[in-house]
PDB file of N, CA and C in Angstrom:
ATOM      1  N   MET A   1      73.045 129.407 263.227  1.00  0.00           N
ATOM      2  CA  MET A   1      74.054 130.401 263.527  1.00  0.00           C
ATOM      3  C   MET A   1      73.493 131.535 264.381  1.00  0.00           C
ATOM      4  N   ILE A   2      72.323 132.017 264.000  1.00  0.00           N
ATOM      5  CA  ILE A   2      71.765 133.138 264.746  1.00  0.00           C
ATOM      6  C   ILE A   2      71.318 132.700 266.144  1.00  0.00           C
ATOM      7  N   ALA A   3      70.832 131.488 266.270  1.00  0.00           N
ATOM      8  CA  ALA A   3      70.391 131.008 267.582  1.00  0.00           C
ATOM      9  C   ALA A   3      71.566 130.877 268.545  1.00  0.00           C
ATOM     10  N   GLU A   4      72.704 130.402 268.054  1.00  0.00           N
ATOM     11  CA  GLU A   4      73.884 130.282 268.912  1.00  0.00           C
ATOM     12  C   GLU A   4      74.410 131.652 269.329  1.00  0.00           C
ATOM     13  N   SER A   5      74.380 132.595 268.409  1.00  0.00           N
ATOM     14  CA  SER A   5      74.852 133.949 268.732  1.00  0.00           C
ATOM     15  C   SER A   5      73.956 134.614 269.767  1.00  0.00           C
ATOM     16  N   LEU A   6      72.649 134.447 269.608  1.00  0.00           N
ATOM     17  CA  LEU A   6      71.721 135.039 270.579  1.00  0.00           C
ATOM     18  C   LEU A   6      71.807 134.338 271.932  1.00  0.00           C
ATOM     19  N   ALA A   7      72.052 133.036 271.926  1.00  0.00           N
ATOM     20  CA  ALA A   7      72.219 132.322 273.192  1.00  0.00           C
ATOM     21  C   ALA A   7      73.480 132.782 273.910  1.00  0.00           C
ATOM     22  N   LEU A   8      74.577 132.935 273.161  1.00  0.00           N
ATOM     23  CA  LEU A   8      75.811 133.446 273.764  1.00  0.00           C
ATOM     24  C   LEU A   8      75.622 134.858 274.284  1.00  0.00           C
ATOM     25  N   SER A   9      74.900 135.668 273.528  1.00  0.00           N
ATOM     26  CA  SER A   9      74.617 137.034 273.974  1.00  0.00           C
ATOM     27  C   SER A   9      73.811 137.033 275.273  1.00  0.00           C
ATOM     28  N   ALA A  10      72.828 136.150 275.364  1.00  0.00           N
ATOM     29  CA  ALA A  10      72.019 136.064 276.583  1.00  0.00           C
ATOM     30  C   ALA A  10      72.849 135.610 277.773  1.00  0.00           C
ATOM     31  N   VAL A  11      73.757 134.665 277.547  1.00  0.00           N
ATOM     32  CA  VAL A  11      74.621 134.188 278.633  1.00  0.00           C
ATOM     33  C   VAL A  11      75.550 135.313 279.100  1.00  0.00           C
ATOM     34  N   LEU A  12      76.149 136.027 278.154  1.00  0.00           N
ATOM     35  CA  LEU A  12      77.040 137.135 278.525  1.00  0.00           C
ATOM     36  C   LEU A  12      76.290 138.236 279.260  1.00  0.00           C
ATOM     37  N   PHE A  13      75.091 138.549 278.802  1.00  0.00           N
ATOM     38  CA  PHE A  13      74.298 139.587 279.470  1.00  0.00           C
ATOM     39  C   PHE A  13      73.911 139.144 280.880  1.00  0.00           C
ATOM     40  N   THR A  14      73.581 137.872 281.049  1.00  0.00           N
ATOM     41  CA  THR A  14      73.232 137.353 282.374  1.00  0.00           C
ATOM     42  C   THR A  14      74.425 137.403 283.316  1.00  0.00           C
ATOM     43  N   ILE A  15      75.594 137.031 282.822  1.00  0.00           N
ATOM     44  CA  ILE A  15      76.803 137.105 283.645  1.00  0.00           C
ATOM     45  C   ILE A  15      77.070 138.550 284.064  1.00  0.00           C
ATOM     46  N   GLY A  16      76.908 139.485 283.134  1.00  0.00           N
ATOM     47  CA  GLY A  16      77.099 140.899 283.467  1.00  0.00           C
ATOM     48  C   GLY A  16      76.095 141.396 284.486  1.00  0.00           C
ATOM     49  N   THR A  17      74.843 140.988 284.344  1.00  0.00           N
ATOM     50  CA  THR A  17      73.805 141.417 285.292  1.00  0.00           C
ATOM     51  C   THR A  17      74.066 140.864 286.685  1.00  0.00           C
ATOM     52  N   ILE A  18      74.433 139.597 286.755  1.00  0.00           N
ATOM     53  CA  ILE A  18      74.747 138.998 288.060  1.00  0.00           C
ATOM     54  C   ILE A  18      75.950 139.694 288.680  1.00  0.00           C
ATOM     55  N   GLY A  19      76.936 140.025 287.876  1.00  0.00           N
ATOM     56  CA  GLY A  19      78.112 140.733 288.379  1.00  0.00           C
ATOM     57  C   GLY A  19      77.775 142.105 288.923  1.00  0.00           C
ATOM     58  N   VAL A  20      76.897 142.828 288.235  1.00  0.00           N
ATOM     59  CA  VAL A  20      76.500 144.162 288.719  1.00  0.00           C
ATOM     60  C   VAL A  20      75.732 144.058 290.026  1.00  0.00           C
ATOM     61  N   LEU A  21      74.890 143.059 290.138  1.00  0.00           N
ATOM     62  CA  LEU A  21      74.044 142.934 291.332  1.00  0.00           C
ATOM     63  C   LEU A  21      74.770 142.369 292.540  1.00  0.00           C
ATOM     64  N   THR A  22      75.848 141.609 292.347  1.00  0.00           N
ATOM     65  CA  THR A  22      76.476 140.947 293.483  1.00  0.00           C
ATOM     66  C   THR A  22      77.812 141.546 293.910  1.00  0.00           C
ATOM     67  N   ARG A  23      78.494 142.243 293.062  1.00  0.00           N
ATOM     68  CA  ARG A  23      79.837 142.748 293.394  1.00  0.00           C
ATOM     69  C   ARG A  23      79.761 144.092 294.097  1.00  0.00           C
ATOM     70  N   ARG A  24      80.811 144.400 294.846  1.00  0.00           N
ATOM     71  CA  ARG A  24      80.894 145.666 295.571  1.00  0.00           C
ATOM     72  C   ARG A  24      82.020 146.560 295.080  1.00  0.00           C
ATOM     73  N   ASN A  25      82.910 146.026 294.264  1.00  0.00           N
ATOM     74  CA  ASN A  25      84.028 146.796 293.755  1.00  0.00           C
ATOM     75  C   ASN A  25      83.570 147.586 292.529  1.00  0.00           C
ATOM     76  N   ALA A  26      83.825 148.888 292.510  1.00  0.00           N
ATOM     77  CA  ALA A  26      83.345 149.742 291.432  1.00  0.00           C
ATOM     78  C   ALA A  26      83.961 149.369 290.091  1.00  0.00           C
ATOM     79  N   ILE A  27      85.199 148.947 290.072  1.00  0.00           N
ATOM     80  CA  ILE A  27      85.852 148.596 288.819  1.00  0.00           C
ATOM     81  C   ILE A  27      85.256 147.312 288.257  1.00  0.00           C
ATOM     82  N   VAL A  28      84.956 146.342 289.101  1.00  0.00           N
ATOM     83  CA  VAL A  28      84.339 145.096 288.642  1.00  0.00           C
ATOM     84  C   VAL A  28      82.932 145.369 288.113  1.00  0.00           C
ATOM     85  N   ILE A  29      82.191 146.212 288.785  1.00  0.00           N
ATOM     86  CA  ILE A  29      80.854 146.589 288.308  1.00  0.00           C
ATOM     87  C   ILE A  29      80.958 147.279 286.958  1.00  0.00           C
ATOM     88  N   PHE A  30      81.948 148.134 286.813  1.00  0.00           N
ATOM     89  CA  PHE A  30      82.179 148.836 285.558  1.00  0.00           C
ATOM     90  C   PHE A  30      82.470 147.835 284.432  1.00  0.00           C
ATOM     91  N   MET A  31      83.284 146.825 284.709  1.00  0.00           N
ATOM     92  CA  MET A  31      83.587 145.811 283.699  1.00  0.00           C
ATOM     93  C   MET A  31      82.353 144.982 283.360  1.00  0.00           C
ATOM     94  N   CYS A  32      81.496 144.719 284.342  1.00  0.00           N
ATOM     95  CA  CYS A  32      80.275 143.955 284.078  1.00  0.00           C
ATOM     96  C   CYS A  32      79.303 144.746 283.201  1.00  0.00           C
ATOM     97  N   VAL A  33      79.238 146.051 283.386  1.00  0.00           N
ATOM     98  CA  VAL A  33      78.408 146.887 282.520  1.00  0.00           C
ATOM     99  C   VAL A  33      78.943 146.856 281.097  1.00  0.00           C
ATOM    100  N   GLU A  34      80.257 146.902 280.944  1.00  0.00           N
ATOM    101  CA  GLU A  34      80.858 146.806 279.612  1.00  0.00           C
ATOM    102  C   GLU A  34      80.561 145.445 278.979  1.00  0.00           C
ATOM    103  N   LEU A  35      80.561 144.375 279.779  1.00  0.00           N
ATOM    104  CA  LEU A  35      80.221 143.051 279.273  1.00  0.00           C
ATOM    105  C   LEU A  35      78.780 143.016 278.784  1.00  0.00           C
ATOM    106  N   MET A  36      77.890 143.678 279.505  1.00  0.00           N
ATOM    107  CA  MET A  36      76.500 143.739 279.086  1.00  0.00           C
ATOM    108  C   MET A  36      76.353 144.502 277.773  1.00  0.00           C
ATOM    109  N   LEU A  37      77.083 145.594 277.615  1.00  0.00           N
ATOM    110  CA  LEU A  37      77.034 146.345 276.355  1.00  0.00           C
ATOM    111  C   LEU A  37      77.567 145.518 275.191  1.00  0.00           C
ATOM    112  N   ASN A  38      78.625 144.745 275.430  1.00  0.00           N
ATOM    113  CA  ASN A  38      79.152 143.890 274.374  1.00  0.00           C
ATOM    114  C   ASN A  38      78.182 142.760 274.027  1.00  0.00           C
ATOM    115  N   ALA A  39      77.442 142.269 274.996  1.00  0.00           N
ATOM    116  CA  ALA A  39      76.432 141.247 274.716  1.00  0.00           C
ATOM    117  C   ALA A  39      75.336 141.815 273.816  1.00  0.00           C
ATOM    118  N   VAL A  40      74.933 143.034 274.078  1.00  0.00           N
ATOM    119  CA  VAL A  40      73.932 143.681 273.229  1.00  0.00           C
ATOM    120  C   VAL A  40      74.488 143.897 271.825  1.00  0.00           C
ATOM    121  N   ASN A  41      75.751 144.290 271.733  1.00  0.00           N
ATOM    122  CA  ASN A  41      76.372 144.451 270.411  1.00  0.00           C
ATOM    123  C   ASN A  41      76.381 143.135 269.641  1.00  0.00           C
ATOM    124  N   LEU A  42      76.674 142.039 270.326  1.00  0.00           N
ATOM    125  CA  LEU A  42      76.682 140.737 269.667  1.00  0.00           C
ATOM    126  C   LEU A  42      75.295 140.385 269.130  1.00  0.00           C
ATOM    127  N   SER A  43      74.274 140.662 269.904  1.00  0.00           N
ATOM    128  CA  SER A  43      72.918 140.360 269.426  1.00  0.00           C
ATOM    129  C   SER A  43      72.527 141.266 268.261  1.00  0.00           C
ATOM    130  N   PHE A  44      72.940 142.539 268.293  1.00  0.00           N
ATOM    131  CA  PHE A  44      72.681 143.435 267.162  1.00  0.00           C
ATOM    132  C   PHE A  44      73.346 142.928 265.891  1.00  0.00           C
ATOM    133  N   VAL A  45      74.592 142.495 265.985  1.00  0.00           N
ATOM    134  CA  VAL A  45      75.305 141.996 264.808  1.00  0.00           C
ATOM    135  C   VAL A  45      74.672 140.705 264.302  1.00  0.00           C
ATOM    136  N   ALA A  46      74.278 139.826 265.213  1.00  0.00           N
ATOM    137  CA  ALA A  46      73.643 138.570 264.796  1.00  0.00           C
ATOM    138  C   ALA A  46      72.322 138.838 264.093  1.00  0.00           C
ATOM    139  N   LEU A  47      71.544 139.752 264.623  1.00  0.00           N
ATOM    140  CA  LEU A  47      70.259 140.054 264.001  1.00  0.00           C
ATOM    141  C   LEU A  47      70.422 140.843 262.704  1.00  0.00           C
ATOM    142  N   SER A  48      71.465 141.671 262.626  1.00  0.00           N
ATOM    143  CA  SER A  48      71.676 142.435 261.390  1.00  0.00           C
ATOM    144  C   SER A  48      72.099 141.525 260.252  1.00  0.00           C
ATOM    145  N   ARG A  49      72.692 140.412 260.580  1.00  0.00           N
ATOM    146  CA  ARG A  49      73.066 139.447 259.535  1.00  0.00           C
ATOM    147  C   ARG A  49      71.822 138.891 258.851  1.00  0.00           C
ATOM    148  N   GLN A  50      70.740 138.787 259.593  1.00  0.00           N
ATOM    149  CA  GLN A  50      69.515 138.249 259.018  1.00  0.00           C
ATOM    150  C   GLN A  50      68.605 139.344 258.450  1.00  0.00           C
ATOM    151  N   TYR A  51      68.535 140.504 259.124  1.00  0.00           N
ATOM    152  CA  TYR A  51      67.534 141.510 258.752  1.00  0.00           C
ATOM    153  C   TYR A  51      68.094 142.728 258.029  1.00  0.00           C
ATOM    154  N   GLY A  52      69.390 142.922 257.976  1.00  0.00           N
ATOM    155  CA  GLY A  52      69.934 144.073 257.271  1.00  0.00           C
ATOM    156  C   GLY A  52      71.003 144.778 258.071  1.00  0.00           C
ATOM    157  N   VAL A  53      71.471 145.879 257.539  1.00  0.00           N
ATOM    158  CA  VAL A  53      72.628 146.583 258.083  1.00  0.00           C
ATOM    159  C   VAL A  53      72.269 147.471 259.275  1.00  0.00           C
ATOM    160  N   THR A  54      71.015 147.665 259.556  1.00  0.00           N
ATOM    161  CA  THR A  54      70.600 148.592 260.607  1.00  0.00           C
ATOM    162  C   THR A  54      71.195 148.223 261.967  1.00  0.00           C
ATOM    163  N   GLY A  55      71.310 146.963 262.260  1.00  0.00           N
ATOM    164  CA  GLY A  55      71.877 146.527 263.535  1.00  0.00           C
ATOM    165  C   GLY A  55      73.322 146.937 263.687  1.00  0.00           C
ATOM    166  N   GLN A  56      74.078 146.919 262.606  1.00  0.00           N
ATOM    167  CA  GLN A  56      75.480 147.325 262.669  1.00  0.00           C
ATOM    168  C   GLN A  56      75.614 148.820 262.908  1.00  0.00           C
ATOM    169  N   VAL A  57      74.657 149.601 262.442  1.00  0.00           N
ATOM    170  CA  VAL A  57      74.656 151.037 262.726  1.00  0.00           C
ATOM    171  C   VAL A  57      74.431 151.258 264.215  1.00  0.00           C
ATOM    172  N   PHE A  58      73.533 150.500 264.813  1.00  0.00           N
ATOM    173  CA  PHE A  58      73.303 150.594 266.252  1.00  0.00           C
ATOM    174  C   PHE A  58      74.550 150.199 267.040  1.00  0.00           C
ATOM    175  N   VAL A  59      75.285 149.226 266.537  1.00  0.00           N
ATOM    176  CA  VAL A  59      76.519 148.794 267.201  1.00  0.00           C
ATOM    177  C   VAL A  59      77.514 149.943 267.255  1.00  0.00           C
ATOM    178  N   VAL A  60      77.629 150.701 266.181  1.00  0.00           N
ATOM    179  CA  VAL A  60      78.545 151.848 266.173  1.00  0.00           C
ATOM    180  C   VAL A  60      78.119 152.870 267.225  1.00  0.00           C
ATOM    181  N   PHE A  61      76.826 153.125 267.339  1.00  0.00           N
ATOM    182  CA  PHE A  61      76.353 154.065 268.351  1.00  0.00           C
ATOM    183  C   PHE A  61      76.593 153.540 269.768  1.00  0.00           C
ATOM    184  N   VAL A  62      76.350 152.254 269.980  1.00  0.00           N
ATOM    185  CA  VAL A  62      76.576 151.667 271.307  1.00  0.00           C
ATOM    186  C   VAL A  62      78.060 151.716 271.665  1.00  0.00           C
ATOM    187  N   MET A  63      78.929 151.457 270.695  1.00  0.00           N
ATOM    188  CA  MET A  63      80.373 151.528 270.957  1.00  0.00           C
ATOM    189  C   MET A  63      80.805 152.952 271.279  1.00  0.00           C
ATOM    190  N   THR A  64      80.202 153.929 270.625  1.00  0.00           N
ATOM    191  CA  THR A  64      80.515 155.332 270.917  1.00  0.00           C
ATOM    192  C   THR A  64      80.093 155.702 272.335  1.00  0.00           C
ATOM    193  N   VAL A  65      78.902 155.288 272.726  1.00  0.00           N
ATOM    194  CA  VAL A  65      78.424 155.553 274.086  1.00  0.00           C
ATOM    195  C   VAL A  65      79.284 154.814 275.098  1.00  0.00           C
ATOM    196  N   ALA A  66      79.695 153.580 274.788  1.00  0.00           N
ATOM    197  CA  ALA A  66      80.533 152.807 275.703  1.00  0.00           C
ATOM    198  C   ALA A  66      81.899 153.460 275.884  1.00  0.00           C
ATOM    199  N   ALA A  67      82.457 154.025 274.816  1.00  0.00           N
ATOM    200  CA  ALA A  67      83.745 154.707 274.935  1.00  0.00           C
ATOM    201  C   ALA A  67      83.627 155.959 275.802  1.00  0.00           C
ATOM    202  N   ALA A  68      82.555 156.713 275.612  1.00  0.00           N
ATOM    203  CA  ALA A  68      82.342 157.899 276.444  1.00  0.00           C
ATOM    204  C   ALA A  68      82.097 157.507 277.895  1.00  0.00           C
ATOM    205  N   GLU A  69      81.331 156.443 278.089  1.00  0.00           N
ATOM    206  CA  GLU A  69      81.068 155.966 279.449  1.00  0.00           C
ATOM    207  C   GLU A  69      82.345 155.483 280.113  1.00  0.00           C
ATOM    208  N   ALA A  70      83.204 154.840 279.354  1.00  0.00           N
ATOM    209  CA  ALA A  70      84.472 154.361 279.909  1.00  0.00           C
ATOM    210  C   ALA A  70      85.338 155.531 280.356  1.00  0.00           C
ATOM    211  N   ALA A  71      85.406 156.563 279.553  1.00  0.00           N
ATOM    212  CA  ALA A  71      86.233 157.717 279.914  1.00  0.00           C
ATOM    213  C   ALA A  71      85.687 158.418 281.157  1.00  0.00           C
ATOM    214  N   VAL A  72      84.404 158.686 281.172  1.00  0.00           N
ATOM    215  CA  VAL A  72      83.803 159.389 282.306  1.00  0.00           C
ATOM    216  C   VAL A  72      83.786 158.503 283.542  1.00  0.00           C
ATOM    217  N   GLY A  73      83.437 157.228 283.373  1.00  0.00           N
ATOM    218  CA  GLY A  73      83.375 156.313 284.512  1.00  0.00           C
ATOM    219  C   GLY A  73      84.725 156.115 285.173  1.00  0.00           C
ATOM    220  N   LEU A  74      85.764 155.910 284.375  1.00  0.00           N
ATOM    221  CA  LEU A  74      87.093 155.745 284.962  1.00  0.00           C
ATOM    222  C   LEU A  74      87.583 157.026 285.629  1.00  0.00           C
ATOM    223  N   ALA A  75      87.229 158.179 285.072  1.00  0.00           N
ATOM    224  CA  ALA A  75      87.607 159.439 285.712  1.00  0.00           C
ATOM    225  C   ALA A  75      86.933 159.585 287.072  1.00  0.00           C
ATOM    226  N   ILE A  76      85.679 159.204 287.159  1.00  0.00           N
ATOM    227  CA  ILE A  76      84.968 159.265 288.441  1.00  0.00           C
ATOM    228  C   ILE A  76      85.563 158.279 289.432  1.00  0.00           C
ATOM    229  N   ILE A  77      85.862 157.063 288.973  1.00  0.00           N
ATOM    230  CA  ILE A  77      86.444 156.058 289.863  1.00  0.00           C
ATOM    231  C   ILE A  77      87.810 156.508 290.375  1.00  0.00           C
ATOM    232  N   ILE A  78      88.632 157.086 289.512  1.00  0.00           N
ATOM    233  CA  ILE A  78      89.947 157.588 289.937  1.00  0.00           C
ATOM    234  C   ILE A  78      89.791 158.729 290.941  1.00  0.00           C
ATOM    235  N   SER A  79      88.830 159.609 290.698  1.00  0.00           N
ATOM    236  CA  SER A  79      88.585 160.716 291.631  1.00  0.00           C
ATOM    237  C   SER A  79      88.141 160.203 292.998  1.00  0.00           C
ATOM    238  N   ILE A  80      87.256 159.222 293.020  1.00  0.00           N
ATOM    239  CA  ILE A  80      86.808 158.652 294.286  1.00  0.00           C
ATOM    240  C   ILE A  80      87.959 157.936 294.987  1.00  0.00           C
ATOM    241  N   PHE A  81      88.785 157.229 294.228  1.00  0.00           N
ATOM    242  CA  PHE A  81      89.914 156.528 294.839  1.00  0.00           C
ATOM    243  C   PHE A  81      90.906 157.508 295.451  1.00  0.00           C
ATOM    244  N   ARG A  82      91.150 158.618 294.791  1.00  0.00           N
ATOM    245  CA  ARG A  82      92.076 159.611 295.348  1.00  0.00           C
ATOM    246  C   ARG A  82      91.523 160.246 296.612  1.00  0.00           C
ATOM    247  N   HIS A  83      90.212 160.374 296.679  1.00  0.00           N
ATOM    248  CA  HIS A  83      89.599 161.017 297.833  1.00  0.00           C
ATOM    249  C   HIS A  83      89.407 160.045 298.998  1.00  0.00           C
ATOM    250  N   ARG A  84      88.977 158.814 298.719  1.00  0.00           N
ATOM    251  CA  ARG A  84      88.628 157.854 299.762  1.00  0.00           C
ATOM    252  C   ARG A  84      89.616 156.710 299.932  1.00  0.00           C
ATOM    253  N   GLN A  85      90.561 156.538 299.016  1.00  0.00           N
ATOM    254  CA  GLN A  85      91.541 155.450 299.038  1.00  0.00           C
ATOM    255  C   GLN A  85      90.908 154.071 298.925  1.00  0.00           C
ATOM    256  N   THR A  86      89.717 153.984 298.340  1.00  0.00           N
ATOM    257  CA  THR A  86      89.057 152.697 298.107  1.00  0.00           C
ATOM    258  C   THR A  86      88.080 152.850 296.951  1.00  0.00           C
ATOM    259  N   VAL A  87      87.811 151.727 296.290  1.00  0.00           N
ATOM    260  CA  VAL A  87      86.769 151.716 295.267  1.00  0.00           C
ATOM    261  C   VAL A  87      85.654 150.752 295.661  1.00  0.00           C
ATOM    262  N   ASN A  88      85.655 150.317 296.920  1.00  0.00           N
ATOM    263  CA  ASN A  88      84.591 149.465 297.438  1.00  0.00           C
ATOM    264  C   ASN A  88      83.359 150.334 297.665  1.00  0.00           C
ATOM    265  N   LEU A  89      82.249 149.958 297.062  1.00  0.00           N
ATOM    266  CA  LEU A  89      81.055 150.801 297.112  1.00  0.00           C
ATOM    267  C   LEU A  89      80.412 150.855 298.490  1.00  0.00           C
ATOM    268  N   GLN A  90      80.704 149.899 299.357  1.00  0.00           N
ATOM    269  CA  GLN A  90      80.154 149.952 300.711  1.00  0.00           C
ATOM    270  C   GLN A  90      80.809 151.057 301.531  1.00  0.00           C
ATOM    271  N   ASN A  91      82.034 151.410 301.203  1.00  0.00           N
ATOM    272  CA  ASN A  91      82.765 152.426 301.964  1.00  0.00           C
ATOM    273  C   ASN A  91      82.617 153.828 301.399  1.00  0.00           C
ATOM    274  N   ILE A  92      81.908 153.959 300.308  1.00  0.00           N
ATOM    275  CA  ILE A  92      81.755 155.268 299.658  1.00  0.00           C
ATOM    276  C   ILE A  92      80.392 155.831 300.013  1.00  0.00           C
ATOM    277  N   ASN A  93      80.400 156.988 300.659  1.00  0.00           N
ATOM    278  CA  ASN A  93      79.172 157.667 301.022  1.00  0.00           C
ATOM    279  C   ASN A  93      79.308 159.151 300.712  1.00  0.00           C
ATOM    280  N   LEU A  94      79.708 159.473 299.494  1.00  0.00           N
ATOM    281  CA  LEU A  94      79.956 160.860 299.112  1.00  0.00           C
ATOM    282  C   LEU A  94      78.686 161.698 299.071  1.00  0.00           C
ATOM    283  N   LEU A  95      77.537 161.091 298.863  1.00  0.00           N
ATOM    284  CA  LEU A  95      76.300 161.863 298.719  1.00  0.00           C
ATOM    285  C   LEU A  95      75.580 162.106 300.040  1.00  0.00           C
ATOM    286  N   LYS A  96      76.129 161.595 301.144  1.00  0.00           N
ATOM    287  CA  LYS A  96      75.502 161.864 302.434  1.00  0.00           C
ATOM    288  C   LYS A  96      75.790 163.288 302.846  1.00  0.00           C
ATOM    289  N   GLY A  97      74.783 163.912 303.455  1.00  0.00           N
ATOM    290  CA  GLY A  97      74.896 165.314 303.838  1.00  0.00           C
ATOM    291  C   GLY A  97      75.543 165.545 305.162  1.00  0.00           C
TER     292      GLY A  97
END
């Protein structure tokens, strides 16, 4: 059971990493980061089943950080879209002087 859960977690994390590295759309990258966080949560829960409740406590903290990241990240994406009319990262150069 634990081996299958960790394998699924590794596959999900790999898919998220490939998505972050290859995509140019900010919303898709944002979803891939969330997929990576959920993969880590799955591995924490799988390991906590064998070693104790500590992993589930970490899951609560990761979910809290993910919720805050979702709120702030979507606010930034909406702000950039209103200013530039795109969320394609190749067309965004807000930090250039």
